[in-house]
Amino acid sequence: MKRFNELDEGFICESCGKEVEPLGYTSRDHCPHCLYSKHVDINPGDRENNCKGLLKPIGIEKYKDTYKIIYKCEKCKQEHKNIIAKDDDMESIINISKVN
């Protein structure tokens, strides 16, 4: 079972360079503009992964009453999934969903 350490931090996106503010209602885990994430966690919020590669959004899947972004690490090729955030760019989500 995954342990969840809530860590809601702002950051500068390494993919698009935009400033990303904390989410405010749960942990911020990806850029709401370009949807990229960074491979920093083993369990959510622990920052214990040594990979540190960029997680490229490669697809969208239905999850309960919302959606998840499917990621593939550009460095180690591992795949991950994260729930979309309320402020994610909807056009980017639609564009990624067309790839699948």
Protein backbone atom coordinates (compact mmCIF):
# COMPACT_ATOMS: atom_id res chain seq x y z
CA MET A 1 0.00 0.00 0.00
CA LYS A 2 1.33 3.42 -0.95
CA ARG A 3 1.96 5.89 1.85
CA PHE A 4 0.79 9.43 1.08
CA ASN A 5 2.81 12.33 2.48
CA GLU A 6 0.95 15.51 1.60
CA LEU A 7 3.52 17.94 0.26
CA ASP A 8 1.90 20.88 -1.52
CA GLU A 9 4.76 22.99 -2.86
CA GLY A 10 5.18 25.49 -5.64
CA PHE A 11 7.95 25.05 -8.21
CA ILE A 12 9.29 26.20 -11.57
CA CYS A 13 8.32 23.65 -14.24
CA GLU A 14 11.42 22.14 -15.84
CA SER A 15 9.49 21.49 -19.06
CA CYS A 16 7.76 24.81 -19.83
CA GLY A 17 9.53 27.13 -17.35
CA LYS A 18 6.32 28.51 -15.82
CA GLU A 19 5.95 29.20 -12.11
CA VAL A 20 3.53 26.75 -10.49
CA GLU A 21 1.75 27.70 -7.26
CA PRO A 22 0.79 25.19 -4.53
CA LEU A 23 -2.55 23.53 -5.26
CA GLY A 24 -4.21 24.35 -1.94
CA TYR A 25 -6.42 21.28 -1.48
CA THR A 26 -3.98 18.39 -1.94
CA SER A 27 -0.39 17.86 -3.07
CA ARG A 28 0.72 19.55 -6.27
CA ASP A 29 2.38 16.84 -8.38
CA HIS A 30 2.48 18.25 -11.91
CA CYS A 31 2.46 21.47 -13.92
CA PRO A 32 -1.10 22.66 -14.68
CA HIS A 33 0.11 24.34 -17.89
CA CYS A 34 2.00 21.61 -19.79
CA LEU A 35 1.01 18.72 -17.44
CA TYR A 36 4.62 17.48 -17.05
CA SER A 37 5.72 16.09 -13.70
CA LYS A 38 9.07 15.10 -12.22
CA HIS A 39 10.09 11.60 -11.09
CA VAL A 40 10.94 12.49 -7.49
CA ASP A 41 8.77 10.17 -5.39
CA ILE A 42 8.70 6.47 -4.62
CA ASN A 43 5.57 6.92 -2.50
CA PRO A 44 3.53 10.12 -2.98
CA GLY A 45 5.30 13.10 -1.41
CA ASP A 46 8.36 11.27 -0.06
CA ARG A 47 10.91 12.81 -2.51
CA GLU A 48 13.03 9.62 -2.19
CA ASN A 49 13.39 8.68 -5.87
CA ASN A 50 16.88 9.23 -7.25
CA CYS A 51 15.78 9.24 -10.92
CA LYS A 52 14.69 12.92 -11.11
CA GLY A 53 13.72 12.52 -14.79
CA LEU A 54 10.85 14.43 -16.37
CA LEU A 55 7.54 12.57 -16.49
CA LYS A 56 5.99 13.17 -19.90
CA PRO A 57 2.17 13.07 -20.09
CA ILE A 58 1.32 10.35 -22.62
CA GLY A 59 -2.38 9.67 -22.05
CA ILE A 60 -5.53 10.14 -20.01
CA GLU A 61 -7.71 7.46 -18.38
CA LYS A 62 -11.04 7.55 -16.57
CA TYR A 63 -10.72 7.07 -12.80
CA LYS A 64 -13.85 6.98 -10.62
CA ASP A 65 -15.56 10.37 -11.16
CA THR A 66 -12.45 12.06 -12.58
CA TYR A 67 -9.44 11.30 -14.77
CA LYS A 68 -5.78 10.39 -14.36
CA ILE A 69 -2.84 11.55 -16.43
CA ILE A 70 -0.61 8.69 -17.57
CA TYR A 71 3.09 9.55 -17.48
CA LYS A 72 6.24 7.94 -18.84
CA CYS A 73 9.59 8.93 -17.38
CA GLU A 74 11.90 10.27 -20.09
CA LYS A 75 14.94 9.00 -18.14
CA CYS A 76 14.09 5.53 -16.71
CA LYS A 77 10.95 4.81 -18.85
CA GLN A 78 8.81 3.88 -15.81
CA GLU A 79 5.10 4.73 -16.09
CA HIS A 80 3.05 6.54 -13.42
CA LYS A 81 -0.45 7.96 -13.04
CA ASN A 82 -1.68 11.07 -11.24
CA ILE A 83 -5.19 12.45 -10.80
CA ILE A 84 -5.86 15.65 -12.76
CA ALA A 85 -6.04 18.89 -10.76
CA LYS A 86 -8.87 21.42 -10.85
CA ASP A 87 -6.63 24.05 -12.45
CA ASP A 88 -5.10 21.85 -15.18
CA ASP A 89 -5.20 23.30 -18.68
CA MET A 90 -8.18 21.56 -20.28
CA GLU A 91 -6.86 22.03 -23.82
CA SER A 92 -3.67 20.16 -22.84
CA ILE A 93 -5.75 17.35 -21.30
CA ILE A 94 -7.85 17.08 -24.48
CA ASN A 95 -4.75 17.04 -26.69
CA ILE A 96 -3.17 14.24 -24.63
CA SER A 97 -6.40 12.25 -24.66
CA LYS A 98 -6.39 12.32 -28.48
CA VAL A 99 -3.02 10.50 -28.51
CA ASN A 100 -4.52 7.35 -26.93
